[in-house]
C-alpha atoms as a PDB file:
ATOM      1  CA  UNK A   1     -42.013  45.010  -7.479  1.00  0.00           C
ATOM      2  CA  UNK A   2     -40.558  43.059  -4.564  1.00  0.00           C
ATOM      3  CA  UNK A   3     -37.451  44.378  -2.818  1.00  0.00           C
ATOM      4  CA  UNK A   4     -34.335  42.225  -2.960  1.00  0.00           C
ATOM      5  CA  UNK A   5     -32.860  41.583   0.521  1.00  0.00           C
ATOM      6  CA  UNK A   6     -30.178  39.512   2.191  1.00  0.00           C
ATOM      7  CA  UNK A   7     -32.838  36.889   2.906  1.00  0.00           C
ATOM      8  CA  UNK A   8     -32.920  36.228  -0.858  1.00  0.00           C
ATOM      9  CA  UNK A   9     -29.246  35.243  -0.918  1.00  0.00           C
ATOM     10  CA  UNK A  10     -28.019  31.687  -0.707  1.00  0.00           C
ATOM     11  CA  UNK A  11     -24.404  31.312   0.369  1.00  0.00           C
ATOM     12  CA  UNK A  12     -22.836  28.248  -1.184  1.00  0.00           C
ATOM     13  CA  UNK A  13     -19.776  26.455   0.063  1.00  0.00           C
ATOM     14  CA  UNK A  14     -16.852  26.639  -2.382  1.00  0.00           C
ATOM     15  CA  UNK A  15     -17.126  23.082  -3.695  1.00  0.00           C
ATOM     16  CA  UNK A  16     -20.887  23.357  -4.220  1.00  0.00           C
ATOM     17  CA  UNK A  17     -20.405  26.638  -6.065  1.00  0.00           C
ATOM     18  CA  UNK A  18     -17.894  25.023  -8.427  1.00  0.00           C
ATOM     19  CA  UNK A  19     -20.205  22.101  -9.200  1.00  0.00           C
ATOM     20  CA  UNK A  20     -23.193  24.391  -9.737  1.00  0.00           C
ATOM     21  CA  UNK A  21     -21.366  26.786 -12.092  1.00  0.00           C
ATOM     22  CA  UNK A  22     -18.224  25.107 -13.463  1.00  0.00           C
ATOM     23  CA  UNK A  23     -18.018  27.625 -16.318  1.00  0.00           C
ATOM     24  CA  UNK A  24     -17.111  30.338 -13.812  1.00  0.00           C
ATOM     25  CA  UNK A  25     -13.985  28.364 -12.884  1.00  0.00           C
ATOM     26  CA  UNK A  26     -13.041  26.503 -16.054  1.00  0.00           C
ATOM     27  CA  UNK A  27     -14.672  28.351 -18.958  1.00  0.00           C
ATOM     28  CA  UNK A  28     -17.597  27.375 -21.151  1.00  0.00           C
ATOM     29  CA  UNK A  29     -15.721  24.785 -23.224  1.00  0.00           C
ATOM     30  CA  UNK A  30     -17.909  21.822 -24.228  1.00  0.00           C
ATOM     31  CA  UNK A  31     -14.911  19.579 -23.454  1.00  0.00           C
ATOM     32  CA  UNK A  32     -15.109  20.346 -19.741  1.00  0.00           C
ATOM     33  CA  UNK A  33     -12.608  17.711 -18.591  1.00  0.00           C
ATOM     34  CA  UNK A  34      -9.924  19.227 -20.820  1.00  0.00           C
ATOM     35  CA  UNK A  35     -10.927  22.695 -19.610  1.00  0.00           C
ATOM     36  CA  UNK A  36     -10.267  21.596 -16.021  1.00  0.00           C
ATOM     37  CA  UNK A  37      -6.831  20.259 -16.975  1.00  0.00           C
ATOM     38  CA  UNK A  38      -6.047  23.456 -18.904  1.00  0.00           C
ATOM     39  CA  UNK A  39      -7.127  25.705 -16.014  1.00  0.00           C
ATOM     40  CA  UNK A  40      -4.947  23.777 -13.550  1.00  0.00           C
ATOM     41  CA  UNK A  41      -1.937  23.945 -15.883  1.00  0.00           C
ATOM     42  CA  UNK A  42      -2.393  27.694 -16.398  1.00  0.00           C
ATOM     43  CA  UNK A  43      -2.720  28.213 -12.629  1.00  0.00           C
ATOM     44  CA  UNK A  44       0.498  26.250 -12.032  1.00  0.00           C
ATOM     45  CA  UNK A  45       2.354  28.207 -14.705  1.00  0.00           C
ATOM     46  CA  UNK A  46       1.051  31.534 -13.348  1.00  0.00           C
ATOM     47  CA  UNK A  47       0.876  31.352  -9.541  1.00  0.00           C
ATOM     48  CA  UNK A  48      -0.157  34.495  -7.719  1.00  0.00           C
ATOM     49  CA  UNK A  49       2.598  36.839  -6.524  1.00  0.00           C
ATOM     50  CA  UNK A  50       2.467  35.631  -2.904  1.00  0.00           C
ATOM     51  CA  UNK A  51       2.811  31.999  -3.961  1.00  0.00           C
ATOM     52  CA  UNK A  52       5.123  32.243  -6.966  1.00  0.00           C
ATOM     53  CA  UNK A  53       8.492  30.542  -6.754  1.00  0.00           C
ATOM     54  CA  UNK A  54      11.534  32.774  -7.065  1.00  0.00           C
ATOM     55  CA  UNK A  55      12.502  30.891 -10.228  1.00  0.00           C
ATOM     56  CA  UNK A  56      10.561  30.079 -13.402  1.00  0.00           C
ATOM     57  CA  UNK A  57       7.682  27.624 -12.975  1.00  0.00           C
ATOM     58  CA  UNK A  58       8.395  24.020 -13.911  1.00  0.00           C
ATOM     59  CA  UNK A  59       5.146  22.131 -14.554  1.00  0.00           C
ATOM     60  CA  UNK A  60       4.442  18.577 -15.673  1.00  0.00           C
ATOM     61  CA  UNK A  61       0.921  17.374 -16.442  1.00  0.00           C
ATOM     62  CA  UNK A  62       0.214  13.707 -17.014  1.00  0.00           C
ATOM     63  CA  UNK A  63      -3.001  12.286 -18.449  1.00  0.00           C
ATOM     64  CA  UNK A  64      -3.417   9.010 -16.572  1.00  0.00           C
ATOM     65  CA  UNK A  65      -6.823   7.904 -17.892  1.00  0.00           C
ATOM     66  CA  UNK A  66      -9.816   9.407 -19.689  1.00  0.00           C
ATOM     67  CA  UNK A  67     -10.831  11.307 -16.544  1.00  0.00           C
ATOM     68  CA  UNK A  68      -7.658  11.211 -14.448  1.00  0.00           C
ATOM     69  CA  UNK A  69      -4.601  13.442 -14.521  1.00  0.00           C
ATOM     70  CA  UNK A  70      -1.774  14.653 -12.331  1.00  0.00           C
ATOM     71  CA  UNK A  71      -0.004  17.984 -12.138  1.00  0.00           C
ATOM     72  CA  UNK A  72       3.410  18.510 -10.568  1.00  0.00           C
ATOM     73  CA  UNK A  73       4.948  21.946 -10.140  1.00  0.00           C
ATOM     74  CA  UNK A  74       7.802  23.559  -8.262  1.00  0.00           C
ATOM     75  CA  UNK A  75       5.911  25.658  -5.748  1.00  0.00           C
ATOM     76  CA  UNK A  76       4.396  24.810  -2.414  1.00  0.00           C
ATOM     77  CA  UNK A  77       0.805  25.078  -1.264  1.00  0.00           C
ATOM     78  CA  UNK A  78       1.719  26.966   1.883  1.00  0.00           C
ATOM     79  CA  UNK A  79       3.948  29.965   1.012  1.00  0.00           C
ATOM     80  CA  UNK A  80       2.978  31.712   4.251  1.00  0.00           C
ATOM     81  CA  UNK A  81       3.794  28.623   6.398  1.00  0.00           C
ATOM     82  CA  UNK A  82       0.077  27.807   6.810  1.00  0.00           C
ATOM     83  CA  UNK A  83      -1.001  24.248   6.079  1.00  0.00           C
ATOM     84  CA  UNK A  84      -4.721  24.721   6.585  1.00  0.00           C
ATOM     85  CA  UNK A  85      -6.764  25.182   3.455  1.00  0.00           C
ATOM     86  CA  UNK A  86     -10.299  24.452   2.298  1.00  0.00           C
ATOM     87  CA  UNK A  87     -12.112  22.289   4.871  1.00  0.00           C
ATOM     88  CA  UNK A  88      -8.809  21.659   6.658  1.00  0.00           C
ATOM     89  CA  UNK A  89      -7.127  20.307   3.510  1.00  0.00           C
ATOM     90  CA  UNK A  90      -3.673  21.073   2.176  1.00  0.00           C
ATOM     91  CA  UNK A  91      -5.268  23.044  -0.688  1.00  0.00           C
ATOM     92  CA  UNK A  92      -4.952  26.636   0.460  1.00  0.00           C
ATOM     93  CA  UNK A  93      -6.601  29.651  -1.213  1.00  0.00           C
ATOM     94  CA  UNK A  94      -3.294  30.188  -3.056  1.00  0.00           C
ATOM     95  CA  UNK A  95      -4.354  27.177  -5.112  1.00  0.00           C
ATOM     96  CA  UNK A  96      -8.025  27.999  -5.610  1.00  0.00           C
ATOM     97  CA  UNK A  97      -8.080  26.690  -9.215  1.00  0.00           C
ATOM     98  CA  UNK A  98      -6.583  23.397  -8.023  1.00  0.00           C
ATOM     99  CA  UNK A  99      -9.216  23.325  -5.258  1.00  0.00           C
ATOM    100  CA  UNK A 100     -11.932  23.908  -7.855  1.00  0.00           C
ATOM    101  CA  UNK A 101     -10.616  20.903  -9.808  1.00  0.00           C
ATOM    102  CA  UNK A 102     -10.764  18.827  -6.613  1.00  0.00           C
ATOM    103  CA  UNK A 103     -14.383  19.923  -6.151  1.00  0.00           C
ATOM    104  CA  UNK A 104     -15.343  18.214  -9.435  1.00  0.00           C
ATOM    105  CA  UNK A 105     -13.310  15.086  -8.666  1.00  0.00           C
ATOM    106  CA  UNK A 106     -14.303  11.939  -6.828  1.00  0.00           C
ATOM    107  CA  UNK A 107     -10.835  11.745  -5.304  1.00  0.00           C
ATOM    108  CA  UNK A 108      -7.726  13.872  -5.192  1.00  0.00           C
ATOM    109  CA  UNK A 109      -4.316  13.157  -3.728  1.00  0.00           C
ATOM    110  CA  UNK A 110      -1.997  15.997  -2.782  1.00  0.00           C
ATOM    111  CA  UNK A 111       1.676  15.813  -1.882  1.00  0.00           C
ATOM    112  CA  UNK A 112       3.546  19.014  -1.125  1.00  0.00           C
ATOM    113  CA  UNK A 113       7.108  19.610   0.054  1.00  0.00           C
ATOM    114  CA  UNK A 114       9.269  22.538   1.091  1.00  0.00           C
ATOM    115  CA  UNK A 115      12.399  23.086   3.216  1.00  0.00           C
ATOM    116  CA  UNK A 116      12.774  19.409   4.102  1.00  0.00           C
ATOM    117  CA  UNK A 117       9.113  18.902   5.117  1.00  0.00           C
ATOM    118  CA  UNK A 118       6.580  16.958   3.042  1.00  0.00           C
ATOM    119  CA  UNK A 119       2.890  16.218   3.563  1.00  0.00           C
ATOM    120  CA  UNK A 120       0.425  13.861   1.876  1.00  0.00           C
ATOM    121  CA  UNK A 121      -3.378  13.954   2.021  1.00  0.00           C
ATOM    122  CA  UNK A 122      -6.273  12.234   0.274  1.00  0.00           C
ATOM    123  CA  UNK A 123      -9.482  14.092  -0.501  1.00  0.00           C
ATOM    124  CA  UNK A 124     -12.972  13.031  -1.530  1.00  0.00           C
ATOM    125  CA  UNK A 125     -13.968  15.920  -3.722  1.00  0.00           C
ATOM    126  CA  UNK A 126     -12.448  18.853  -1.848  1.00  0.00           C
ATOM    127  CA  UNK A 127     -12.963  17.348   1.590  1.00  0.00           C
ATOM    128  CA  UNK A 128     -10.157  15.532   3.403  1.00  0.00           C
ATOM    129  CA  UNK A 129     -10.702  11.837   4.083  1.00  0.00           C
ATOM    130  CA  UNK A 130      -8.285  12.151   7.001  1.00  0.00           C
ATOM    131  CA  UNK A 131      -5.521  14.364   8.322  1.00  0.00           C
ATOM    132  CA  UNK A 132      -2.412  15.173   6.341  1.00  0.00           C
ATOM    133  CA  UNK A 133       0.524  12.964   7.195  1.00  0.00           C
ATOM    134  CA  UNK A 134       4.259  13.316   6.802  1.00  0.00           C
ATOM    135  CA  UNK A 135       6.222  11.612   4.073  1.00  0.00           C
ATOM    136  CA  UNK A 136       9.849  11.615   3.011  1.00  0.00           C
ATOM    137  CA  UNK A 137      10.572  15.003   1.500  1.00  0.00           C
ATOM    138  CA  UNK A 138      12.040  15.134  -1.962  1.00  0.00           C
ATOM    139  CA  UNK A 139      14.673  17.785  -2.588  1.00  0.00           C
ATOM    140  CA  UNK A 140      13.520  21.300  -3.360  1.00  0.00           C
ATOM    141  CA  UNK A 141       9.998  22.659  -3.306  1.00  0.00           C
ATOM    142  CA  UNK A 142       6.956  21.347  -5.109  1.00  0.00           C
ATOM    143  CA  UNK A 143       3.463  19.983  -5.161  1.00  0.00           C
ATOM    144  CA  UNK A 144       1.892  17.023  -6.932  1.00  0.00           C
ATOM    145  CA  UNK A 145      -1.853  16.639  -7.260  1.00  0.00           C
ATOM    146  CA  UNK A 146      -3.595  13.601  -8.737  1.00  0.00           C
ATOM    147  CA  UNK A 147      -7.222  14.096  -9.778  1.00  0.00           C
ATOM    148  CA  UNK A 148      -9.866  11.497 -10.552  1.00  0.00           C
ATOM    149  CA  UNK A 149     -12.594  13.578 -12.184  1.00  0.00           C
ATOM    150  CA  UNK A 150     -16.172  12.605 -11.290  1.00  0.00           C
ATOM    151  CA  UNK A 151     -17.509  10.521 -14.220  1.00  0.00           C
ATOM    152  CA  UNK A 152     -21.114  11.404 -13.392  1.00  0.00           C
ATOM    153  CA  UNK A 153     -20.230  15.073 -13.789  1.00  0.00           C
ATOM    154  CA  UNK A 154     -18.151  14.782 -16.984  1.00  0.00           C
ATOM    155  CA  UNK A 155     -20.149  12.380 -19.174  1.00  0.00           C
ATOM    156  CA  UNK A 156     -19.420  12.211 -22.126  1.00  0.00           C
ATOM    157  CA  UNK A 157     -16.302  14.373 -21.825  1.00  0.00           C
ATOM    158  CA  UNK A 158     -12.837  12.846 -21.619  1.00  0.00           C
ATOM    159  CA  UNK A 159      -9.417  14.447 -21.467  1.00  0.00           C
ATOM    160  CA  UNK A 160      -7.720  15.427 -24.685  1.00  0.00           C
ATOM    161  CA  UNK A 161      -4.486  17.223 -25.401  1.00  0.00           C
ATOM    162  CA  UNK A 162      -4.402  20.911 -24.643  1.00  0.00           C
ATOM    163  CA  UNK A 163      -5.098  23.171 -27.589  1.00  0.00           C
ATOM    164  CA  UNK A 164      -5.328  26.557 -25.859  1.00  0.00           C
ATOM    165  CA  UNK A 165      -2.339  28.838 -25.573  1.00  0.00           C
ATOM    166  CA  UNK A 166      -1.169  28.634 -21.977  1.00  0.00           C
ATOM    167  CA  UNK A 167       0.295  32.152 -22.033  1.00  0.00           C
ATOM    168  CA  UNK A 168      -1.416  35.378 -23.079  1.00  0.00           C
ATOM    169  CA  UNK A 169       0.693  37.953 -24.912  1.00  0.00           C
ATOM    170  CA  UNK A 170       3.083  39.598 -22.457  1.00  0.00           C
ATOM    171  CA  UNK A 171       1.865  37.484 -19.527  1.00  0.00           C
ATOM    172  CA  UNK A 172       5.256  36.830 -18.032  1.00  0.00           C
ATOM    173  CA  UNK A 173       8.947  37.449 -18.485  1.00  0.00           C
ATOM    174  CA  UNK A 174       9.896  33.876 -17.572  1.00  0.00           C
ATOM    175  CA  UNK A 175       7.180  31.541 -18.901  1.00  0.00           C
ATOM    176  CA  UNK A 176       8.805  28.492 -17.337  1.00  0.00           C
ATOM    177  CA  UNK A 177       8.743  24.922 -18.574  1.00  0.00           C
ATOM    178  CA  UNK A 178       5.719  22.795 -19.309  1.00  0.00           C
ATOM    179  CA  UNK A 179       5.515  19.138 -20.246  1.00  0.00           C
ATOM    180  CA  UNK A 180       2.403  17.104 -21.058  1.00  0.00           C
ATOM    181  CA  UNK A 181       2.561  13.326 -21.024  1.00  0.00           C
ATOM    182  CA  UNK A 182      -0.335  11.104 -22.055  1.00  0.00           C
ATOM    183  CA  UNK A 183      -0.047   7.659 -20.451  1.00  0.00           C
ATOM    184  CA  UNK A 184      -3.203   6.195 -21.960  1.00  0.00           C
ATOM    185  CA  UNK A 185      -2.750   3.279 -24.341  1.00  0.00           C
ATOM    186  CA  UNK A 186      -3.050   4.370 -27.943  1.00  0.00           C
ATOM    187  CA  UNK A 187      -5.823   2.902 -30.063  1.00  0.00           C
ATOM    188  CA  UNK A 188      -4.569   0.447 -32.660  1.00  0.00           C
END
């Protein structure tokens, strides 16, 4: 029997890990595109304690196309004042589920604002296509991400409405607000 050593390990970058084993990040649902949307919604409704807003989460998800959606919530990506995330992007480890969704997307746009400062950045997958740049800050605190899921990765899956419960029993005292809007034309 051969001994297992560190030489046998392959260290994958985050985005490559997500694409190799999406079930570890989004579950084993056969409707993977919807699983990605669901995971991002759950992550926005249940941010970690260091990133959580001091008020109930307010989350809006919009299905823009069969493989495109946006998520807007009322918390920032940089609760510790850091703006450097994965590969120099605005997606910090506080938003690792959102970063995983970017890893399976062809393009992602992120806008985040807090205390009168707002930043915008475009990503190809999880990698920035350029530096973040300033934009006019809306009032309050929040983040909007727009995902274009990679069609070569999600064939034949398309987004459908969420069917999973977004809250486990006793998960939170203030579950917050959640809205889902589907902007696709309806079939006649």
